[in-house]
Amino acid sequence: MRQQFMQKTIVVWQPGNVAVLGFMNPVCGVILSAVLLGETDSLSVMSVAALVLVCMGIYIVNRPKKAE
């Protein structure tokens, strides 16, 4: 099922953008572990800063290019 989803996603989006979404796995993992399992250690200042940097990188890669 996951493979079918990825194939359909690659058809709709560019393959490079789909690959970048793989970087969201750690972000979702940290947030879900804090919310569902109560692991407050995963929400230290350094961890939150790292998650913000990952999200900024994903935004930078996926933002629309300026017309030149």
N, C-alpha and C. Protein backbone atom coordinates (compact mmCIF):
# COMPACT_ATOMS: atom_id res chain seq x y z
N MET A 1 0.82 -1.19 0.00
CA MET A 1 0.00 0.00 0.00
C MET A 1 0.87 1.26 0.00
N ARG A 2 1.96 1.23 0.78
CA ARG A 2 2.83 2.40 0.84
C ARG A 2 3.48 2.65 -0.51
N GLN A 3 3.86 1.57 -1.19
CA GLN A 3 4.51 1.72 -2.48
C GLN A 3 3.55 2.32 -3.50
N GLN A 4 2.29 1.93 -3.47
CA GLN A 4 1.30 2.50 -4.39
C GLN A 4 1.11 3.98 -4.11
N PHE A 5 1.09 4.35 -2.82
CA PHE A 5 0.95 5.76 -2.46
C PHE A 5 2.14 6.56 -2.98
N MET A 6 3.35 6.03 -2.81
CA MET A 6 4.55 6.73 -3.26
C MET A 6 4.56 6.87 -4.78
N GLN A 7 4.13 5.83 -5.49
CA GLN A 7 4.11 5.90 -6.95
C GLN A 7 3.13 6.97 -7.42
N LYS A 8 1.96 7.02 -6.82
CA LYS A 8 0.98 8.05 -7.20
C LYS A 8 1.47 9.44 -6.84
N THR A 9 2.16 9.56 -5.70
CA THR A 9 2.69 10.85 -5.29
C THR A 9 3.77 11.33 -6.24
N ILE A 10 4.63 10.42 -6.69
CA ILE A 10 5.70 10.80 -7.61
C ILE A 10 5.12 11.25 -8.94
N VAL A 11 4.01 10.67 -9.36
CA VAL A 11 3.38 11.08 -10.61
C VAL A 11 2.85 12.51 -10.50
N VAL A 12 2.27 12.84 -9.34
CA VAL A 12 1.67 14.16 -9.15
C VAL A 12 2.74 15.21 -8.85
N TRP A 13 3.67 14.89 -7.94
CA TRP A 13 4.74 15.82 -7.57
C TRP A 13 6.01 15.43 -8.27
N GLN A 14 7.01 16.29 -8.19
CA GLN A 14 8.32 15.96 -8.74
C GLN A 14 9.03 15.00 -7.79
N PRO A 15 9.81 14.07 -8.32
CA PRO A 15 10.49 13.08 -7.46
C PRO A 15 11.37 13.72 -6.39
N GLY A 16 12.01 14.83 -6.70
CA GLY A 16 12.85 15.50 -5.71
C GLY A 16 12.06 15.98 -4.51
N ASN A 17 10.87 16.48 -4.75
CA ASN A 17 10.02 16.96 -3.65
C ASN A 17 9.53 15.80 -2.79
N VAL A 18 9.26 14.68 -3.41
CA VAL A 18 8.81 13.50 -2.66
C VAL A 18 9.94 13.00 -1.76
N ALA A 19 11.16 13.01 -2.26
CA ALA A 19 12.30 12.55 -1.48
C ALA A 19 12.53 13.43 -0.26
N VAL A 20 12.30 14.72 -0.40
CA VAL A 20 12.50 15.64 0.72
C VAL A 20 11.51 15.35 1.84
N LEU A 21 10.34 14.84 1.52
CA LEU A 21 9.35 14.54 2.55
C LEU A 21 9.84 13.44 3.50
N GLY A 22 10.81 12.66 3.07
CA GLY A 22 11.40 11.66 3.95
C GLY A 22 12.08 12.28 5.17
N PHE A 23 12.50 13.54 5.04
CA PHE A 23 13.11 14.23 6.16
C PHE A 23 12.09 14.60 7.24
N MET A 24 10.81 14.44 6.95
CA MET A 24 9.78 14.71 7.96
C MET A 24 9.63 13.56 8.94
N ASN A 25 10.20 12.40 8.66
CA ASN A 25 10.09 11.26 9.57
C ASN A 25 10.61 11.56 10.96
N PRO A 26 11.82 12.13 11.12
CA PRO A 26 12.28 12.42 12.48
C PRO A 26 11.42 13.47 13.18
N VAL A 27 10.94 14.44 12.42
CA VAL A 27 10.11 15.49 13.01
C VAL A 27 8.83 14.88 13.58
N CYS A 28 8.17 14.07 12.78
CA CYS A 28 6.94 13.41 13.24
C CYS A 28 7.23 12.45 14.38
N GLY A 29 8.35 11.76 14.33
CA GLY A 29 8.70 10.82 15.39
C GLY A 29 8.90 11.51 16.73
N VAL A 30 9.59 12.62 16.73
CA VAL A 30 9.83 13.35 17.98
C VAL A 30 8.52 13.91 18.53
N ILE A 31 7.72 14.49 17.67
CA ILE A 31 6.45 15.08 18.13
C ILE A 31 5.51 14.00 18.65
N LEU A 32 5.39 12.90 17.92
CA LEU A 32 4.49 11.83 18.37
C LEU A 32 4.99 11.16 19.64
N SER A 33 6.30 11.02 19.79
CA SER A 33 6.80 10.41 21.03
C SER A 33 6.54 11.31 22.22
N ALA A 34 6.61 12.61 22.02
CA ALA A 34 6.32 13.54 23.12
C ALA A 34 4.84 13.54 23.47
N VAL A 35 4.00 13.51 22.45
CA VAL A 35 2.55 13.60 22.68
C VAL A 35 1.98 12.26 23.16
N LEU A 36 2.30 11.19 22.46
CA LEU A 36 1.67 9.90 22.77
C LEU A 36 2.34 9.15 23.91
N LEU A 37 3.66 9.25 24.01
CA LEU A 37 4.38 8.48 25.01
C LEU A 37 4.83 9.30 26.21
N GLY A 38 4.66 10.61 26.12
CA GLY A 38 5.03 11.47 27.24
C GLY A 38 6.53 11.61 27.42
N GLU A 39 7.31 11.45 26.36
CA GLU A 39 8.75 11.57 26.45
C GLU A 39 9.14 13.05 26.37
N THR A 40 9.18 13.69 27.51
CA THR A 40 9.48 15.11 27.53
C THR A 40 10.96 15.39 27.27
N ASP A 41 11.82 14.40 27.41
CA ASP A 41 13.24 14.60 27.12
C ASP A 41 13.46 14.92 25.65
N SER A 42 12.57 14.46 24.80
CA SER A 42 12.74 14.70 23.37
C SER A 42 12.40 16.13 22.97
N LEU A 43 11.89 16.91 23.89
CA LEU A 43 11.55 18.30 23.58
C LEU A 43 12.49 19.28 24.26
N SER A 44 13.78 18.95 24.30
CA SER A 44 14.75 19.89 24.85
C SER A 44 14.94 21.05 23.87
N VAL A 45 15.62 22.07 24.33
CA VAL A 45 15.84 23.24 23.48
C VAL A 45 16.61 22.86 22.22
N MET A 46 17.62 22.03 22.37
CA MET A 46 18.42 21.63 21.22
C MET A 46 17.60 20.81 20.23
N SER A 47 16.74 19.94 20.73
CA SER A 47 15.91 19.11 19.85
C SER A 47 14.91 19.96 19.08
N VAL A 48 14.30 20.90 19.78
CA VAL A 48 13.33 21.78 19.11
C VAL A 48 14.05 22.64 18.07
N ALA A 49 15.24 23.13 18.39
CA ALA A 49 16.01 23.91 17.41
C ALA A 49 16.35 23.06 16.19
N ALA A 50 16.72 21.81 16.41
CA ALA A 50 17.03 20.92 15.29
C ALA A 50 15.79 20.67 14.43
N LEU A 51 14.64 20.48 15.06
CA LEU A 51 13.40 20.26 14.31
C LEU A 51 13.04 21.49 13.49
N VAL A 52 13.24 22.66 14.06
CA VAL A 52 12.97 23.90 13.32
C VAL A 52 13.90 24.00 12.12
N LEU A 53 15.17 23.67 12.29
CA LEU A 53 16.10 23.72 11.17
C LEU A 53 15.74 22.73 10.07
N VAL A 54 15.30 21.55 10.45
CA VAL A 54 14.86 20.56 9.45
C VAL A 54 13.66 21.09 8.69
N CYS A 55 12.69 21.65 9.40
CA CYS A 55 11.50 22.20 8.74
C CYS A 55 11.85 23.37 7.82
N MET A 56 12.80 24.21 8.25
CA MET A 56 13.24 25.32 7.40
C MET A 56 13.91 24.80 6.13
N GLY A 57 14.71 23.75 6.26
CA GLY A 57 15.36 23.16 5.10
C GLY A 57 14.35 22.59 4.12
N ILE A 58 13.33 21.93 4.64
CA ILE A 58 12.28 21.38 3.78
C ILE A 58 11.54 22.51 3.06
N TYR A 59 11.28 23.60 3.77
CA TYR A 59 10.61 24.74 3.13
C TYR A 59 11.48 25.34 2.03
N ILE A 60 12.77 25.51 2.32
CA ILE A 60 13.68 26.12 1.34
C ILE A 60 13.76 25.27 0.07
N VAL A 61 13.80 23.97 0.22
CA VAL A 61 13.90 23.09 -0.95
C VAL A 61 12.60 23.10 -1.75
N ASN A 62 11.46 23.21 -1.08
CA ASN A 62 10.17 23.10 -1.77
C ASN A 62 9.54 24.42 -2.16
N ARG A 63 10.14 25.54 -1.80
CA ARG A 63 9.51 26.82 -2.12
C ARG A 63 9.54 27.06 -3.63
N PRO A 64 8.58 27.83 -4.11
CA PRO A 64 8.55 28.10 -5.56
C PRO A 64 9.76 28.95 -5.98
N LYS A 65 10.27 28.66 -7.13
CA LYS A 65 11.42 29.42 -7.63
C LYS A 65 10.96 30.76 -8.18
N LYS A 66 11.79 31.77 -7.97
CA LYS A 66 11.47 33.11 -8.47
C LYS A 66 11.69 33.16 -9.98
N ALA A 67 10.83 33.88 -10.66
CA ALA A 67 10.98 34.06 -12.10
C ALA A 67 12.10 35.06 -12.35
N GLU A 68 12.99 34.71 -13.24
CA GLU A 68 14.12 35.60 -13.53
C GLU A 68 13.92 36.34 -14.81
